[in-house]
Every structure is written in structure tokens, then in C-alpha cells.
């Protein structure tokens, strides 16, 4: 069977032709404006996805997207939850840390950092309330 054609829109076609003609900055501004104002359609979203996929992320781009904030540790919430549950079940801090580190396959120090991060977040939320 013949595949269905890609969605078409006049605005997406204009942006696509600007990219093809080497006017990438102009195309990027038009695409961003359309996406932010909600005047986009399926063809524009497909064009934006293709563009993002083609360009990708360069080193340092992820930090810029986070607006300079450091990345959260992977599984930090699960690690701190398990540690807290083990502590509430009567285990010592060291025992809970060792058991959590073994379960997640990480170091004791990583577990301690995750627990400290959780405490900092809960303290910050208490101050807001």
C-alpha cells in the first residue's frame, strides 16, 4: 500500500522552504512563535520534531534547558523513599543506607546524598506552607 502523505499546512511549508533556502534563523523564529502562541498544527509539530531530532543536543545544552540548575540524581526519590521506609520499620541509619545501596546498586554516599536532597526539599516545602 502507498503510505499516507505527511500533513500539510501553508505555514509549515513556508518554514520548511526557509530552512531549505538557508534562512534557518528566520525559520526558527517563525516556528517558535507559532508553537508558543498555539497557532501550530500537526504539520508544524512534525517539522519541529524533525528539526529537534536532526540537530540534537550539544554538550551543555541540557544545562541551559534546566536554566543552570543541576540535574537531579537518577532515582533519588525512590532511593530516599526506601531509606525512609526502612528507617520507620526500625532499622538504623547505617543499616537502611547499606540495604538501600545494595538494592539500587549504588554507593552509600549516593544514598546519603539522596536522603539529604529529600530533606532539603521537604524543609523547603514546610517553609512555603
Protein backbone atom coordinates (compact mmCIF):
# COMPACT_ATOMS: atom_id res chain seq x y z
CA UNK A 1 0.00 0.00 0.00
CA UNK A 2 1.03 3.56 -0.56
CA UNK A 3 1.84 5.40 2.69
CA UNK A 4 -0.39 8.29 3.63
CA UNK A 5 1.04 11.70 2.81
CA UNK A 6 2.52 13.82 5.57
CA UNK A 7 0.23 16.51 6.94
CA UNK A 8 0.41 19.76 5.03
CA UNK A 9 -0.06 23.37 6.03
CA UNK A 10 0.87 26.61 4.35
CA UNK A 11 2.71 27.93 7.43
CA UNK A 12 4.77 24.73 7.78
CA UNK A 13 5.54 24.85 4.07
CA UNK A 14 6.81 28.43 4.42
CA UNK A 15 9.05 27.47 7.34
CA UNK A 16 10.30 24.36 5.54
CA UNK A 17 11.22 26.36 2.44
CA UNK A 18 13.06 28.93 4.62
CA UNK A 19 15.12 26.06 6.06
CA UNK A 20 15.83 24.74 2.59
CA UNK A 21 16.95 28.18 1.42
CA UNK A 22 19.40 28.53 4.31
CA UNK A 23 17.36 31.02 6.33
CA UNK A 24 17.40 28.80 9.41
CA UNK A 25 17.31 31.63 11.95
CA UNK A 26 14.20 33.14 10.38
CA UNK A 27 12.58 29.71 10.21
CA UNK A 28 13.42 29.03 13.84
CA UNK A 29 11.86 32.32 14.99
CA UNK A 30 8.67 31.64 12.98
CA UNK A 31 8.43 28.09 14.31
CA UNK A 32 8.98 29.17 17.92
CA UNK A 33 6.40 31.94 17.59
CA UNK A 34 3.83 29.54 16.14
CA UNK A 35 4.43 26.94 18.84
CA UNK A 36 4.31 29.44 21.71
CA UNK A 37 1.16 31.20 20.55
CA UNK A 38 -0.70 27.99 19.80
CA UNK A 39 -1.06 28.71 16.07
CA UNK A 40 0.67 25.45 15.26
CA UNK A 41 -0.85 22.45 13.56
CA UNK A 42 0.16 18.84 13.07
CA UNK A 43 2.45 19.70 10.16
CA UNK A 44 4.31 22.32 12.23
CA UNK A 45 4.74 19.97 15.17
CA UNK A 46 6.11 17.32 12.80
CA UNK A 47 8.53 19.88 11.35
CA UNK A 48 9.64 20.94 14.85
CA UNK A 49 10.15 17.31 15.90
CA UNK A 50 12.22 16.59 12.77
CA UNK A 51 14.33 19.67 13.38
CA UNK A 52 14.97 18.81 17.03
CA UNK A 53 15.81 15.24 16.11
CA UNK A 54 18.23 16.35 13.38
CA UNK A 55 20.03 18.98 15.43
CA UNK A 56 20.05 17.10 18.74
CA UNK A 57 21.64 18.36 21.93
CA UNK A 58 25.22 19.59 22.06
CA UNK A 59 27.28 19.34 25.26
CA UNK A 60 26.00 21.95 27.69
CA UNK A 61 22.55 22.29 26.10
CA UNK A 62 20.88 20.18 28.77
CA UNK A 63 22.13 22.52 31.50
CA UNK A 64 20.84 25.50 29.54
CA UNK A 65 17.42 23.84 29.27
CA UNK A 66 17.43 23.35 33.05
CA UNK A 67 18.23 27.08 33.31
CA UNK A 68 21.54 26.34 35.02
CA UNK A 69 20.09 24.15 37.77
CA UNK A 70 21.94 20.95 38.45
CA UNK A 71 20.38 17.69 37.34
CA UNK A 72 18.54 15.59 39.89
CA UNK A 73 20.13 12.30 40.74
CA UNK A 74 18.61 9.35 38.95
CA UNK A 75 16.07 7.52 41.15
CA UNK A 76 16.71 9.94 44.03
CA UNK A 77 13.10 9.88 45.13
CA UNK A 78 12.83 6.09 45.09
CA UNK A 79 16.12 5.78 46.96
CA UNK A 80 15.10 8.26 49.66
CA UNK A 81 11.63 6.69 49.98
CA UNK A 82 13.08 3.21 50.50
CA UNK A 83 15.58 4.57 53.02
CA UNK A 84 12.82 6.35 54.94
CA UNK A 85 10.61 3.25 54.95
CA UNK A 86 13.43 1.08 56.28
CA UNK A 87 14.15 3.65 58.99
CA UNK A 88 10.48 3.78 60.01
CA UNK A 89 10.48 -0.03 60.21
CA UNK A 90 13.12 0.23 62.96
CA UNK A 91 16.36 -0.13 61.03
CA UNK A 92 19.35 2.03 61.94
CA UNK A 93 20.52 4.79 59.59
CA UNK A 94 23.62 2.79 58.62
CA UNK A 95 21.61 -0.41 58.09
CA UNK A 96 19.00 1.38 55.97
CA UNK A 97 21.75 3.06 53.95
CA UNK A 98 23.54 -0.24 53.31
CA UNK A 99 20.34 -2.08 52.35
CA UNK A 100 19.22 0.71 50.00
CA UNK A 101 22.65 0.96 48.37
CA UNK A 102 22.72 -2.79 47.79
CA UNK A 103 19.18 -2.83 46.36
CA UNK A 104 19.83 0.04 43.91
CA UNK A 105 23.43 -0.93 43.17
CA UNK A 106 24.92 2.41 44.18
CA UNK A 107 27.30 3.69 46.83
CA UNK A 108 26.40 4.55 50.42
CA UNK A 109 27.40 8.14 49.73
CA UNK A 110 24.91 8.33 46.84
CA UNK A 111 22.12 7.14 49.16
CA UNK A 112 23.13 9.73 51.76
CA UNK A 113 23.06 12.49 49.13
CA UNK A 114 19.59 11.40 48.00
CA UNK A 115 18.32 11.41 51.60
CA UNK A 116 19.82 14.88 52.12
CA UNK A 117 18.17 16.11 48.91
CA UNK A 118 14.82 14.76 50.11
CA UNK A 119 15.22 16.51 53.47
CA UNK A 120 16.10 19.77 51.73
CA UNK A 121 13.01 19.52 49.54
CA UNK A 122 10.72 18.72 52.47
CA UNK A 123 12.23 21.60 54.51
CA UNK A 124 11.66 23.99 51.62
CA UNK A 125 8.04 22.90 51.26
CA UNK A 126 7.45 23.36 55.01
CA UNK A 127 8.75 26.94 54.77
CA UNK A 128 6.29 27.67 51.96
CA UNK A 129 3.32 26.32 53.94
